PDB file of N, CA and C in Angstrom:
ATOM      1  N   MET A   1      45.018 125.373 136.264  1.00  0.00           N
ATOM      2  CA  MET A   1      46.117 125.360 135.326  1.00  0.00           C
ATOM      3  C   MET A   1      45.689 124.660 134.039  1.00  0.00           C
ATOM      4  N   LEU A   2      46.211 125.178 132.973  1.00  0.00           N
ATOM      5  CA  LEU A   2      45.963 124.507 131.709  1.00  0.00           C
ATOM      6  C   LEU A   2      46.862 123.290 131.609  1.00  0.00           C
ATOM      7  N   LYS A   3      46.452 122.344 130.825  1.00  0.00           N
ATOM      8  CA  LYS A   3      47.222 121.115 130.669  1.00  0.00           C
ATOM      9  C   LYS A   3      48.598 121.396 130.060  1.00  0.00           C
ATOM     10  N   SER A   4      48.687 122.381 129.183  1.00  0.00           N
ATOM     11  CA  SER A   4      49.964 122.683 128.532  1.00  0.00           C
ATOM     12  C   SER A   4      50.924 123.418 129.453  1.00  0.00           C
ATOM     13  N   GLU A   5      50.482 123.906 130.578  1.00  0.00           N
ATOM     14  CA  GLU A   5      51.329 124.637 131.491  1.00  0.00           C
ATOM     15  C   GLU A   5      51.927 123.773 132.593  1.00  0.00           C
ATOM     16  N   LYS A   6      51.702 122.508 132.560  1.00  0.00           N
ATOM     17  CA  LYS A   6      52.255 121.613 133.582  1.00  0.00           C
ATOM     18  C   LYS A   6      53.761 121.489 133.406  1.00  0.00           C
ATOM     19  N   GLY A   7      54.471 121.258 134.488  1.00  0.00           N
ATOM     20  CA  GLY A   7      55.912 121.061 134.451  1.00  0.00           C
ATOM     21  C   GLY A   7      56.258 119.624 134.078  1.00  0.00           C
ATOM     22  N   ILE A   8      57.545 119.337 134.132  1.00  0.00           N
ATOM     23  CA  ILE A   8      58.020 117.988 133.834  1.00  0.00           C
ATOM     24  C   ILE A   8      57.811 117.140 135.072  1.00  0.00           C
ATOM     25  N   GLY A   9      57.287 115.944 134.841  1.00  0.00           N
ATOM     26  CA  GLY A   9      57.019 115.039 135.950  1.00  0.00           C
ATOM     27  C   GLY A   9      58.238 114.231 136.344  1.00  0.00           C
ATOM     28  N   LEU A  10      58.150 113.585 137.464  1.00  0.00           N
ATOM     29  CA  LEU A  10      59.247 112.772 137.995  1.00  0.00           C
ATOM     30  C   LEU A  10      59.580 111.616 137.056  1.00  0.00           C
ATOM     31  N   ILE A  11      58.609 111.007 136.450  1.00  0.00           N
ATOM     32  CA  ILE A  11      58.842 109.873 135.534  1.00  0.00           C
ATOM     33  C   ILE A  11      59.668 110.333 134.338  1.00  0.00           C
ATOM     34  N   GLU A  12      59.338 111.499 133.785  1.00  0.00           N
ATOM     35  CA  GLU A  12      60.090 111.995 132.641  1.00  0.00           C
ATOM     36  C   GLU A  12      61.550 112.263 133.005  1.00  0.00           C
ATOM     37  N   ILE A  13      61.778 112.782 134.186  1.00  0.00           N
ATOM     38  CA  ILE A  13      63.148 113.056 134.637  1.00  0.00           C
ATOM     39  C   ILE A  13      63.917 111.751 134.814  1.00  0.00           C
ATOM     40  N   ILE A  14      63.307 110.755 135.386  1.00  0.00           N
ATOM     41  CA  ILE A  14      63.970 109.452 135.583  1.00  0.00           C
ATOM     42  C   ILE A  14      64.289 108.815 134.248  1.00  0.00           C
ATOM     43  N   VAL A  15      63.367 108.867 133.285  1.00  0.00           N
ATOM     44  CA  VAL A  15      63.609 108.292 131.956  1.00  0.00           C
ATOM     45  C   VAL A  15      64.759 109.046 131.274  1.00  0.00           C
ATOM     46  N   ALA A  16      64.774 110.359 131.366  1.00  0.00           N
ATOM     47  CA  ALA A  16      65.847 111.145 130.763  1.00  0.00           C
ATOM     48  C   ALA A  16      67.198 110.807 131.394  1.00  0.00           C
ATOM     49  N   MET A  17      67.238 110.655 132.715  1.00  0.00           N
ATOM     50  CA  MET A  17      68.487 110.292 133.395  1.00  0.00           C
ATOM     51  C   MET A  17      68.946 108.896 132.997  1.00  0.00           C
ATOM     52  N   LEU A  18      68.006 107.979 132.807  1.00  0.00           N
ATOM     53  CA  LEU A  18      68.346 106.621 132.382  1.00  0.00           C
ATOM     54  C   LEU A  18      68.959 106.632 130.987  1.00  0.00           C
ATOM     55  N   ILE A  19      68.359 107.372 130.070  1.00  0.00           N
ATOM     56  CA  ILE A  19      68.903 107.474 128.708  1.00  0.00           C
ATOM     57  C   ILE A  19      70.287 108.119 128.739  1.00  0.00           C
ATOM     58  N   PHE A  20      70.448 109.155 129.522  1.00  0.00           N
ATOM     59  CA  PHE A  20      71.741 109.824 129.663  1.00  0.00           C
ATOM     60  C   PHE A  20      72.783 108.864 130.233  1.00  0.00           C
ATOM     61  N   ALA A  21      72.412 108.094 131.250  1.00  0.00           N
ATOM     62  CA  ALA A  21      73.344 107.143 131.869  1.00  0.00           C
ATOM     63  C   ALA A  21      73.772 106.063 130.882  1.00  0.00           C
ATOM     64  N   ILE A  22      72.854 105.579 130.074  1.00  0.00           N
ATOM     65  CA  ILE A  22      73.201 104.563 129.066  1.00  0.00           C
ATOM     66  C   ILE A  22      74.182 105.150 128.050  1.00  0.00           C
ATOM     67  N   GLY A  23      73.939 106.380 127.627  1.00  0.00           N
ATOM     68  CA  GLY A  23      74.843 107.031 126.677  1.00  0.00           C
ATOM     69  C   GLY A  23      76.230 107.250 127.247  1.00  0.00           C
ATOM     70  N   ILE A  24      76.306 107.711 128.466  1.00  0.00           N
ATOM     71  CA  ILE A  24      77.610 107.938 129.115  1.00  0.00           C
ATOM     72  C   ILE A  24      78.351 106.616 129.307  1.00  0.00           C
ATOM     73  N   THR A  25      77.645 105.573 129.704  1.00  0.00           N
ATOM     74  CA  THR A  25      78.270 104.259 129.885  1.00  0.00           C
ATOM     75  C   THR A  25      78.854 103.748 128.575  1.00  0.00           C
ATOM     76  N   ALA A  26      78.112 103.893 127.494  1.00  0.00           N
ATOM     77  CA  ALA A  26      78.612 103.453 126.187  1.00  0.00           C
ATOM     78  C   ALA A  26      79.846 104.249 125.777  1.00  0.00           C
ATOM     79  N   ALA A  27      79.837 105.549 126.030  1.00  0.00           N
ATOM     80  CA  ALA A  27      80.988 106.381 125.674  1.00  0.00           C
ATOM     81  C   ALA A  27      82.217 106.012 126.499  1.00  0.00           C
ATOM     82  N   ILE A  28      82.024 105.768 127.776  1.00  0.00           N
ATOM     83  CA  ILE A  28      83.144 105.423 128.654  1.00  0.00           C
ATOM     84  C   ILE A  28      83.741 104.063 128.275  1.00  0.00           C
ATOM     85  N   ARG A  29      82.914 103.142 127.822  1.00  0.00           N
ATOM     86  CA  ARG A  29      83.414 101.814 127.450  1.00  0.00           C
ATOM     87  C   ARG A  29      84.265 101.858 126.193  1.00  0.00           C
ATOM     88  N   THR A  30      84.121 102.877 125.343  1.00  0.00           N
ATOM     89  CA  THR A  30      84.928 102.970 124.128  1.00  0.00           C
ATOM     90  C   THR A  30      86.293 103.604 124.371  1.00  0.00           C
ATOM     91  N   LEU A  31      86.490 104.268 125.492  1.00  0.00           N
ATOM     92  CA  LEU A  31      87.759 104.952 125.756  1.00  0.00           C
ATOM     93  C   LEU A  31      88.970 104.020 125.774  1.00  0.00           C
ATOM     94  N   PRO A  32      88.940 102.873 126.473  1.00  0.00           N
ATOM     95  CA  PRO A  32      90.121 101.998 126.451  1.00  0.00           C
ATOM     96  C   PRO A  32      90.445 101.477 125.049  1.00  0.00           C
ATOM     97  N   VAL A  33      89.425 101.173 124.267  1.00  0.00           N
ATOM     98  CA  VAL A  33      89.652 100.677 122.910  1.00  0.00           C
ATOM     99  C   VAL A  33      90.291 101.760 122.050  1.00  0.00           C
ATOM    100  N   SER A  34      89.781 102.977 122.150  1.00  0.00           N
ATOM    101  CA  SER A  34      90.352 104.062 121.345  1.00  0.00           C
ATOM    102  C   SER A  34      91.761 104.409 121.816  1.00  0.00           C
ATOM    103  N   ASN A  35      92.027 104.307 123.098  1.00  0.00           N
ATOM    104  CA  ASN A  35      93.373 104.572 123.613  1.00  0.00           C
ATOM    105  C   ASN A  35      94.364 103.533 123.087  1.00  0.00           C
ATOM    106  N   THR A  36      93.968 102.278 123.059  1.00  0.00           N
ATOM    107  CA  THR A  36      94.820 101.220 122.536  1.00  0.00           C
ATOM    108  C   THR A  36      95.091 101.432 121.049  1.00  0.00           C
ATOM    109  N   ALA A  37      94.067 101.775 120.301  1.00  0.00           N
ATOM    110  CA  ALA A  37      94.232 102.008 118.864  1.00  0.00           C
ATOM    111  C   ALA A  37      95.136 103.207 118.593  1.00  0.00           C
ATOM    112  N   THR A  38      95.020 104.238 119.391  1.00  0.00           N
ATOM    113  CA  THR A  38      95.863 105.423 119.225  1.00  0.00           C
ATOM    114  C   THR A  38      97.327 105.097 119.520  1.00  0.00           C
ATOM    115  N   THR A  39      97.568 104.349 120.570  1.00  0.00           N
ATOM    116  CA  THR A  39      98.936 103.950 120.919  1.00  0.00           C
ATOM    117  C   THR A  39      99.541 103.082 119.833  1.00  0.00           C
ATOM    118  N   ARG A  40      98.761 102.138 119.321  1.00  0.00           N
ATOM    119  CA  ARG A  40      99.239 101.250 118.253  1.00  0.00           C
ATOM    120  C   ARG A  40      99.587 102.062 117.009  1.00  0.00           C
ATOM    121  N   ALA A  41      98.732 102.990 116.629  1.00  0.00           N
ATOM    122  CA  ALA A  41      98.985 103.814 115.450  1.00  0.00           C
ATOM    123  C   ALA A  41     100.220 104.689 115.635  1.00  0.00           C
ATOM    124  N   ARG A  42     100.389 105.251 116.822  1.00  0.00           N
ATOM    125  CA  ARG A  42     101.561 106.089 117.097  1.00  0.00           C
ATOM    126  C   ARG A  42     102.842 105.264 116.997  1.00  0.00           C
ATOM    127  N   ASN A  43     102.854 104.065 117.587  1.00  0.00           N
ATOM    128  CA  ASN A  43     104.038 103.204 117.520  1.00  0.00           C
ATOM    129  C   ASN A  43     104.335 102.762 116.098  1.00  0.00           C
ATOM    130  N   LEU A  44     103.309 102.427 115.338  1.00  0.00           N
ATOM    131  CA  LEU A  44     103.499 102.006 113.954  1.00  0.00           C
ATOM    132  C   LEU A  44     104.070 103.147 113.115  1.00  0.00           C
ATOM    133  N   THR A  45     103.571 104.346 113.311  1.00  0.00           N
ATOM    134  CA  THR A  45     104.075 105.507 112.582  1.00  0.00           C
ATOM    135  C   THR A  45     105.525 105.797 112.960  1.00  0.00           C
ATOM    136  N   MET A  46     105.829 105.745 114.236  1.00  0.00           N
ATOM    137  CA  MET A  46     107.199 106.003 114.688  1.00  0.00           C
ATOM    138  C   MET A  46     108.158 104.940 114.150  1.00  0.00           C
ATOM    139  N   ALA A  47     107.750 103.675 114.174  1.00  0.00           N
ATOM    140  CA  ALA A  47     108.598 102.596 113.659  1.00  0.00           C
ATOM    141  C   ALA A  47     108.845 102.769 112.159  1.00  0.00           C
ATOM    142  N   THR A  48     107.818 103.145 111.419  1.00  0.00           N
ATOM    143  CA  THR A  48     107.974 103.378 109.985  1.00  0.00           C
ATOM    144  C   THR A  48     108.931 104.535 109.721  1.00  0.00           C
ATOM    145  N   ASN A  49     108.807 105.593 110.490  1.00  0.00           N
ATOM    146  CA  ASN A  49     109.713 106.738 110.334  1.00  0.00           C
ATOM    147  C   ASN A  49     111.155 106.363 110.666  1.00  0.00           C
ATOM    148  N   LEU A  50     111.361 105.565 111.708  1.00  0.00           N
ATOM    149  CA  LEU A  50     112.717 105.143 112.074  1.00  0.00           C
ATOM    150  C   LEU A  50     113.331 104.252 110.992  1.00  0.00           C
ATOM    151  N   ALA A  51     112.529 103.375 110.409  1.00  0.00           N
ATOM    152  CA  ALA A  51     113.025 102.514 109.324  1.00  0.00           C
ATOM    153  C   ALA A  51     113.367 103.352 108.097  1.00  0.00           C
ATOM    154  N   GLN A  52     112.495 104.280 107.746  1.00  0.00           N
ATOM    155  CA  GLN A  52     112.749 105.148 106.592  1.00  0.00           C
ATOM    156  C   GLN A  52     113.984 106.015 106.812  1.00  0.00           C
ATOM    157  N   GLN A  53     114.155 106.496 108.027  1.00  0.00           N
ATOM    158  CA  GLN A  53     115.324 107.311 108.357  1.00  0.00           C
ATOM    159  C   GLN A  53     116.610 106.516 108.144  1.00  0.00           C
ATOM    160  N   LYS A  54     116.618 105.254 108.575  1.00  0.00           N
ATOM    161  CA  LYS A  54     117.823 104.432 108.421  1.00  0.00           C
ATOM    162  C   LYS A  54     118.086 104.123 106.958  1.00  0.00           C
ATOM    163  N   ILE A  55     117.041 103.870 106.194  1.00  0.00           N
ATOM    164  CA  ILE A  55     117.227 103.610 104.762  1.00  0.00           C
ATOM    165  C   ILE A  55     117.823 104.842 104.079  1.00  0.00           C
ATOM    166  N   GLU A  56     117.307 106.018 104.403  1.00  0.00           N
ATOM    167  CA  GLU A  56     117.839 107.254 103.820  1.00  0.00           C
ATOM    168  C   GLU A  56     119.306 107.443 104.210  1.00  0.00           C
ATOM    169  N   GLU A  57     119.637 107.134 105.446  1.00  0.00           N
ATOM    170  CA  GLU A  57     121.024 107.255 105.909  1.00  0.00           C
ATOM    171  C   GLU A  57     121.928 106.291 105.154  1.00  0.00           C
ATOM    172  N   LEU A  58     121.482 105.053 104.990  1.00  0.00           N
ATOM    173  CA  LEU A  58     122.294 104.049 104.293  1.00  0.00           C
ATOM    174  C   LEU A  58     122.418 104.345 102.804  1.00  0.00           C
ATOM    175  N   MET A  59     121.412 104.979 102.241  1.00  0.00           N
ATOM    176  CA  MET A  59     121.483 105.332 100.817  1.00  0.00           C
ATOM    177  C   MET A  59     122.562 106.385 100.560  1.00  0.00           C
ATOM    178  N   GLY A  60     122.873 107.193 101.545  1.00  0.00           N
ATOM    179  CA  GLY A  60     123.916 108.197 101.407  1.00  0.00           C
ATOM    180  C   GLY A  60     125.286 107.715 101.834  1.00  0.00           C
ATOM    181  N   THR A  61     125.390 106.447 102.201  1.00  0.00           N
ATOM    182  CA  THR A  61     126.643 105.867 102.676  1.00  0.00           C
ATOM    183  C   THR A  61     127.378 105.206 101.506  1.00  0.00           C
ATOM    184  N   PRO A  62     128.705 105.341 101.431  1.00  0.00           N
ATOM    185  CA  PRO A  62     129.450 104.640 100.373  1.00  0.00           C
ATOM    186  C   PRO A  62     129.253 103.122 100.478  1.00  0.00           C
ATOM    187  N   LEU A  63     129.255 102.445  99.334  1.00  0.00           N
ATOM    188  CA  LEU A  63     128.986 101.000  99.323  1.00  0.00           C
ATOM    189  C   LEU A  63     130.021 100.188 100.085  1.00  0.00           C
ATOM    190  N   ASN A  64     131.226 100.711 100.268  1.00  0.00           N
ATOM    191  CA  ASN A  64     132.258  99.948 100.992  1.00  0.00           C
ATOM    192  C   ASN A  64     132.270 100.256 102.490  1.00  0.00           C
ATOM    193  N   ASP A  65     131.286 101.016 102.973  1.00  0.00           N
ATOM    194  CA  ASP A  65     131.184 101.349 104.398  1.00  0.00           C
ATOM    195  C   ASP A  65     130.867 100.090 105.213  1.00  0.00           C
ATOM    196  N   ALA A  66     131.298 100.079 106.468  1.00  0.00           N
ATOM    197  CA  ALA A  66     131.067  98.922 107.345  1.00  0.00           C
ATOM    198  C   ALA A  66     129.579  98.648 107.556  1.00  0.00           C
ATOM    199  N   ASN A  67     128.748  99.685 107.511  1.00  0.00           N
ATOM    200  CA  ASN A  67     127.304  99.489 107.686  1.00  0.00           C
ATOM    201  C   ASN A  67     126.646  98.797 106.506  1.00  0.00           C
ATOM    202  N   LEU A  68     127.363  98.691 105.389  1.00  0.00           N
ATOM    203  CA  LEU A  68     126.796  98.050 104.208  1.00  0.00           C
ATOM    204  C   LEU A  68     127.517  96.760 103.837  1.00  0.00           C
ATOM    205  N   THR A  69     128.266  96.193 104.800  1.00  0.00           N
ATOM    206  CA  THR A  69     128.852  94.883 104.541  1.00  0.00           C
ATOM    207  C   THR A  69     127.756  93.833 104.640  1.00  0.00           C
ATOM    208  N   SER A  70     127.936  92.762 103.958  1.00  0.00           N
ATOM    209  CA  SER A  70     126.928  91.715 103.930  1.00  0.00           C
ATOM    210  C   SER A  70     126.710  91.130 105.326  1.00  0.00           C
ATOM    211  N   GLY A  71     125.447  90.948 105.691  1.00  0.00           N
ATOM    212  CA  GLY A  71     125.117  90.372 106.990  1.00  0.00           C
ATOM    213  C   GLY A  71     124.167  91.228 107.787  1.00  0.00           C
ATOM    214  N   ALA A  72     123.963  90.823 109.032  1.00  0.00           N
ATOM    215  CA  ALA A  72     123.028  91.510 109.931  1.00  0.00           C
ATOM    216  C   ALA A  72     123.762  92.591 110.719  1.00  0.00           C
ATOM    217  N   HIS A  73     123.066  93.707 110.959  1.00  0.00           N
ATOM    218  CA  HIS A  73     123.628  94.833 111.692  1.00  0.00           C
ATOM    219  C   HIS A  73     122.619  95.315 112.726  1.00  0.00           C
ATOM    220  N   ASN A  74     123.128  95.795 113.852  1.00  0.00           N
ATOM    221  CA  ASN A  74     122.287  96.369 114.906  1.00  0.00           C
ATOM    222  C   ASN A  74     122.582  97.849 115.042  1.00  0.00           C
ATOM    223  N   ASP A  75     121.548  98.616 115.314  1.00  0.00           N
ATOM    224  CA  ASP A  75     121.718 100.047 115.533  1.00  0.00           C
ATOM    225  C   ASP A  75     122.384 100.256 116.890  1.00  0.00           C
ATOM    226  N   GLN A  76     123.387 101.112 116.932  1.00  0.00           N
ATOM    227  CA  GLN A  76     124.108 101.361 118.183  1.00  0.00           C
ATOM    228  C   GLN A  76     123.249 102.088 119.208  1.00  0.00           C
ATOM    229  N   ASP A  77     122.156 102.714 118.769  1.00  0.00           N
ATOM    230  CA  ASP A  77     121.283 103.445 119.690  1.00  0.00           C
ATOM    231  C   ASP A  77     120.181 102.575 120.287  1.00  0.00           C
ATOM    232  N   ASN A  78     120.171 101.268 119.993  1.00  0.00           N
ATOM    233  CA  ASN A  78     119.106 100.395 120.508  1.00  0.00           C
ATOM    234  C   ASN A  78     119.173 100.301 122.021  1.00  0.00           C
ATOM    235  N   PRO A  79     118.046 100.255 122.707  1.00  0.00           N
ATOM    236  CA  PRO A  79     116.709 100.527 122.170  1.00  0.00           C
ATOM    237  C   PRO A  79     116.497 102.028 122.012  1.00  0.00           C
ATOM    238  N   ILE A  80     115.828 102.390 120.944  1.00  0.00           N
ATOM    239  CA  ILE A  80     115.550 103.790 120.648  1.00  0.00           C
ATOM    240  C   ILE A  80     114.308 104.196 121.423  1.00  0.00           C
ATOM    241  N   GLU A  81     114.446 105.241 122.196  1.00  0.00           N
ATOM    242  CA  GLU A  81     113.363 105.736 123.060  1.00  0.00           C
ATOM    243  C   GLU A  81     112.786 104.629 123.951  1.00  0.00           C
ATOM    244  N   ARG A  82     113.625 103.688 124.350  1.00  0.00           N
ATOM    245  CA  ARG A  82     113.283 102.583 125.253  1.00  0.00           C
ATOM    246  C   ARG A  82     112.216 101.645 124.698  1.00  0.00           C
ATOM    247  N   ILE A  83     111.780 101.828 123.466  1.00  0.00           N
ATOM    248  CA  ILE A  83     110.702 101.009 122.918  1.00  0.00           C
ATOM    249  C   ILE A  83     111.121 100.307 121.625  1.00  0.00           C
ATOM    250  N   PHE A  84     111.849 100.998 120.762  1.00  0.00           N
ATOM    251  CA  PHE A  84     112.110 100.526 119.406  1.00  0.00           C
ATOM    252  C   PHE A  84     113.500  99.924 119.276  1.00  0.00           C
ATOM    253  N   THR A  85     113.591  98.836 118.514  1.00  0.00           N
ATOM    254  CA  THR A  85     114.863  98.200 118.200  1.00  0.00           C
ATOM    255  C   THR A  85     114.997  98.169 116.681  1.00  0.00           C
ATOM    256  N   ARG A  86     116.102  98.739 116.178  1.00  0.00           N
ATOM    257  CA  ARG A  86     116.290  98.839 114.729  1.00  0.00           C
ATOM    258  C   ARG A  86     117.471  97.979 114.305  1.00  0.00           C
ATOM    259  N   THR A  87     117.247  97.118 113.336  1.00  0.00           N
ATOM    260  CA  THR A  87     118.286  96.270 112.755  1.00  0.00           C
ATOM    261  C   THR A  87     118.174  96.351 111.235  1.00  0.00           C
ATOM    262  N   TRP A  88     119.259  95.981 110.562  1.00  0.00           N
ATOM    263  CA  TRP A  88     119.191  95.897 109.109  1.00  0.00           C
ATOM    264  C   TRP A  88     120.069  94.771 108.623  1.00  0.00           C
ATOM    265  N   ASN A  89     119.680  94.235 107.488  1.00  0.00           N
ATOM    266  CA  ASN A  89     120.387  93.122 106.877  1.00  0.00           C
ATOM    267  C   ASN A  89     120.785  93.528 105.467  1.00  0.00           C
ATOM    268  N   VAL A  90     122.032  93.251 105.100  1.00  0.00           N
ATOM    269  CA  VAL A  90     122.540  93.581 103.769  1.00  0.00           C
ATOM    270  C   VAL A  90     122.878  92.279 103.061  1.00  0.00           C
ATOM    271  N   THR A  91     122.391  92.166 101.840  1.00  0.00           N
ATOM    272  CA  THR A  91     122.691  91.001 101.006  1.00  0.00           C
ATOM    273  C   THR A  91     123.398  91.487  99.754  1.00  0.00           C
ATOM    274  N   ASP A  92     124.614  90.978  99.495  1.00  0.00           N
ATOM    275  CA  ASP A  92     125.381  91.372  98.315  1.00  0.00           C
ATOM    276  C   ASP A  92     124.897  90.629  97.079  1.00  0.00           C
ATOM    277  N   ASN A  93     125.080  91.286  95.921  1.00  0.00           N
ATOM    278  CA  ASN A  93     124.763  90.707  94.616  1.00  0.00           C
ATOM    279  C   ASN A  93     123.338  90.173  94.541  1.00  0.00           C
ATOM    280  N   ASP A  94     122.426  90.919  95.100  1.00  0.00           N
ATOM    281  CA  ASP A  94     121.022  90.510  95.097  1.00  0.00           C
ATOM    282  C   ASP A  94     120.175  91.717  94.739  1.00  0.00           C
ATOM    283  N   PRO A  95     119.384  91.697  93.771  1.00  0.00           N
ATOM    284  CA  PRO A  95     118.982  90.608  92.878  1.00  0.00           C
ATOM    285  C   PRO A  95     119.921  90.395  91.703  1.00  0.00           C
ATOM    286  N   VAL A  96     120.853  91.347  91.452  1.00  0.00           N
ATOM    287  CA  VAL A  96     121.824  91.173  90.365  1.00  0.00           C
ATOM    288  C   VAL A  96     123.212  91.509  90.901  1.00  0.00           C
ATOM    289  N   ILE A  97     124.224  91.201  90.105  1.00  0.00           N
ATOM    290  CA  ILE A  97     125.606  91.464  90.496  1.00  0.00           C
ATOM    291  C   ILE A  97     125.811  92.978  90.636  1.00  0.00           C
ATOM    292  N   ASP A  98     126.639  93.364  91.581  1.00  0.00           N
ATOM    293  CA  ASP A  98     126.947  94.766  91.908  1.00  0.00           C
ATOM    294  C   ASP A  98     125.753  95.530  92.464  1.00  0.00           C
ATOM    295  N   MET A  99     124.861  94.822  93.098  1.00  0.00           N
ATOM    296  CA  MET A  99     123.715  95.466  93.744  1.00  0.00           C
ATOM    297  C   MET A  99     123.560  94.856  95.129  1.00  0.00           C
ATOM    298  N   LYS A 100     123.104  95.665  96.072  1.00  0.00           N
ATOM    299  CA  LYS A 100     122.885  95.191  97.441  1.00  0.00           C
ATOM    300  C   LYS A 100     121.412  95.375  97.791  1.00  0.00           C
ATOM    301  N   THR A 101     120.874  94.404  98.506  1.00  0.00           N
ATOM    302  CA  THR A 101     119.535  94.542  99.061  1.00  0.00           C
ATOM    303  C   THR A 101     119.689  94.883 100.532  1.00  0.00           C
ATOM    304  N   VAL A 102     119.063  95.980 100.943  1.00  0.00           N
ATOM    305  CA  VAL A 102     119.113  96.412 102.339  1.00  0.00           C
ATOM    306  C   VAL A 102     117.698  96.326 102.891  1.00  0.00           C
ATOM    307  N   THR A 103     117.538  95.560 103.960  1.00  0.00           N
ATOM    308  CA  THR A 103     116.239  95.398 104.608  1.00  0.00           C
ATOM    309  C   THR A 103     116.361  95.901 106.039  1.00  0.00           C
ATOM    310  N   VAL A 104     115.604  96.945 106.365  1.00  0.00           N
ATOM    311  CA  VAL A 104     115.619  97.539 107.704  1.00  0.00           C
ATOM    312  C   VAL A 104     114.354  97.086 108.433  1.00  0.00           C
ATOM    313  N   THR A 105     114.529  96.573 109.649  1.00  0.00           N
ATOM    314  CA  THR A 105     113.400  96.134 110.466  1.00  0.00           C
ATOM    315  C   THR A 105     113.429  96.881 111.790  1.00  0.00           C
ATOM    316  N   VAL A 106     112.281  97.439 112.140  1.00  0.00           N
ATOM    317  CA  VAL A 106     112.125  98.113 113.429  1.00  0.00           C
ATOM    318  C   VAL A 106     111.037  97.368 114.188  1.00  0.00           C
ATOM    319  N   THR A 107     111.399  96.843 115.353  1.00  0.00           N
ATOM    320  CA  THR A 107     110.420  96.180 116.213  1.00  0.00           C
ATOM    321  C   THR A 107     110.180  97.070 117.422  1.00  0.00           C
ATOM    322  N   TYR A 108     109.018  96.911 118.024  1.00  0.00           N
ATOM    323  CA  TYR A 108     108.686  97.727 119.180  1.00  0.00           C
ATOM    324  C   TYR A 108     107.861  96.924 120.159  1.00  0.00           C
ATOM    325  N   LEU A 109     107.905  97.344 121.408  1.00  0.00           N
ATOM    326  CA  LEU A 109     107.154  96.673 122.457  1.00  0.00           C
ATOM    327  C   LEU A 109     105.672  96.919 122.240  1.00  0.00           C
ATOM    328  N   SER A 110     104.916  95.842 122.264  1.00  0.00           N
ATOM    329  CA  SER A 110     103.478  95.950 122.025  1.00  0.00           C
ATOM    330  C   SER A 110     102.804  94.730 122.616  1.00  0.00           C
ATOM    331  N   GLY A 111     101.533  94.871 122.897  1.00  0.00           N
ATOM    332  CA  GLY A 111     100.769  93.753 123.424  1.00  0.00           C
ATOM    333  C   GLY A 111     100.259  92.820 122.345  1.00  0.00           C
ATOM    334  N   SER A 112     100.534  93.149 121.071  1.00  0.00           N
ATOM    335  CA  SER A 112     100.042  92.313 119.978  1.00  0.00           C
ATOM    336  C   SER A 112     101.216  91.746 119.190  1.00  0.00           C
ATOM    337  N   ASN A 113     100.892  90.871 118.246  1.00  0.00           N
ATOM    338  CA  ASN A 113     101.937  90.222 117.454  1.00  0.00           C
ATOM    339  C   ASN A 113     102.439  91.095 116.307  1.00  0.00           C
ATOM    340  N   ASP A 114     101.675  92.081 115.899  1.00  0.00           N
ATOM    341  CA  ASP A 114     102.078  92.922 114.775  1.00  0.00           C
ATOM    342  C   ASP A 114     102.880  94.121 115.282  1.00  0.00           C
ATOM    343  N   ASN A 115     104.087  93.835 115.718  1.00  0.00           N
ATOM    344  CA  ASN A 115     104.907  94.878 116.337  1.00  0.00           C
ATOM    345  C   ASN A 115     106.222  95.077 115.598  1.00  0.00           C
ATOM    346  N   ALA A 116     106.180  95.024 114.271  1.00  0.00           N
ATOM    347  CA  ALA A 116     107.395  95.218 113.486  1.00  0.00           C
ATOM    348  C   ALA A 116     107.059  95.881 112.157  1.00  0.00           C
ATOM    349  N   VAL A 117     108.011  96.685 111.695  1.00  0.00           N
ATOM    350  CA  VAL A 117     107.921  97.308 110.381  1.00  0.00           C
ATOM    351  C   VAL A 117     109.187  96.927 109.629  1.00  0.00           C
ATOM    352  N   THR A 118     109.038  96.499 108.378  1.00  0.00           N
ATOM    353  CA  THR A 118     110.181  96.116 107.560  1.00  0.00           C
ATOM    354  C   THR A 118     110.111  96.876 106.238  1.00  0.00           C
ATOM    355  N   LEU A 119     111.200  97.567 105.907  1.00  0.00           N
ATOM    356  CA  LEU A 119     111.313  98.277 104.634  1.00  0.00           C
ATOM    357  C   LEU A 119     112.573  97.797 103.933  1.00  0.00           C
ATOM    358  N   SER A 120     112.507  97.695 102.608  1.00  0.00           N
ATOM    359  CA  SER A 120     113.661  97.240 101.814  1.00  0.00           C
ATOM    360  C   SER A 120     113.972  98.227 100.706  1.00  0.00           C
ATOM    361  N   THR A 121     115.235  98.239 100.310  1.00  0.00           N
ATOM    362  CA  THR A 121     115.667  99.028  99.168  1.00  0.00           C
ATOM    363  C   THR A 121     116.845  98.335  98.512  1.00  0.00           C
ATOM    364  N   TYR A 122     117.158  98.777  97.310  1.00  0.00           N
ATOM    365  CA  TYR A 122     118.300  98.255  96.571  1.00  0.00           C
ATOM    366  C   TYR A 122     119.319  99.361  96.382  1.00  0.00           C
ATOM    367  N   LEU A 123     120.600  99.021  96.570  1.00  0.00           N
ATOM    368  CA  LEU A 123     121.676  99.984  96.407  1.00  0.00           C
ATOM    369  C   LEU A 123     122.645  99.459  95.352  1.00  0.00           C
ATOM    370  N   THR A 124     123.171 100.394  94.556  1.00  0.00           N
ATOM    371  CA  THR A 124     124.148 100.045  93.559  1.00  0.00           C
ATOM    372  C   THR A 124     125.210 101.132  93.511  1.00  0.00           C
ATOM    373  N   SER A 125     126.349 100.818  92.923  1.00  0.00           N
ATOM    374  CA  SER A 125     127.428 101.811  92.850  1.00  0.00           C
ATOM    375  C   SER A 125     127.083 102.894  91.834  1.00  0.00           C
ATOM    376  N   ARG A 126     126.108 102.679  90.985  1.00  0.00           N
ATOM    377  CA  ARG A 126     125.696 103.659  89.958  1.00  0.00           C
ATOM    378  C   ARG A 126     124.613 104.588  90.514  1.00  0.00           C
ATOM    379  N   ARG A 127     124.938 105.344  91.535  1.00  0.00           N
ATOM    380  CA  ARG A 127     123.955 106.278  92.096  1.00  0.00           C
ATOM    381  C   ARG A 127     124.480 107.668  92.143  1.00  0.00           C
TER     382      ARG A 127
END
């Protein structure tokens, strides 16, 4: 047999399997981290959408509505999808007279401390 016609030896196969095993192990170790990051991003996006939805709803509400009285308010649907809690706070005459500051906060169950989204807007009778 010519030297170039030899097959793959046992050592080459073992080295190839070792390299493959190291690669698979590294890939498998990243799965829990990527799963956690995906869940966090999904919850953050959903919380932001829920806060924006409430702000849009309140912007279409008359200023004398009960949902826009000064003070803290809770969403009647809490908890939303068993994970999210939506509240809002209304401050009268802030930053100027005849204007209201509305701050909507959505918190969600999470294993980390950054589990809340807060959005604010200003409402006036001249809309």
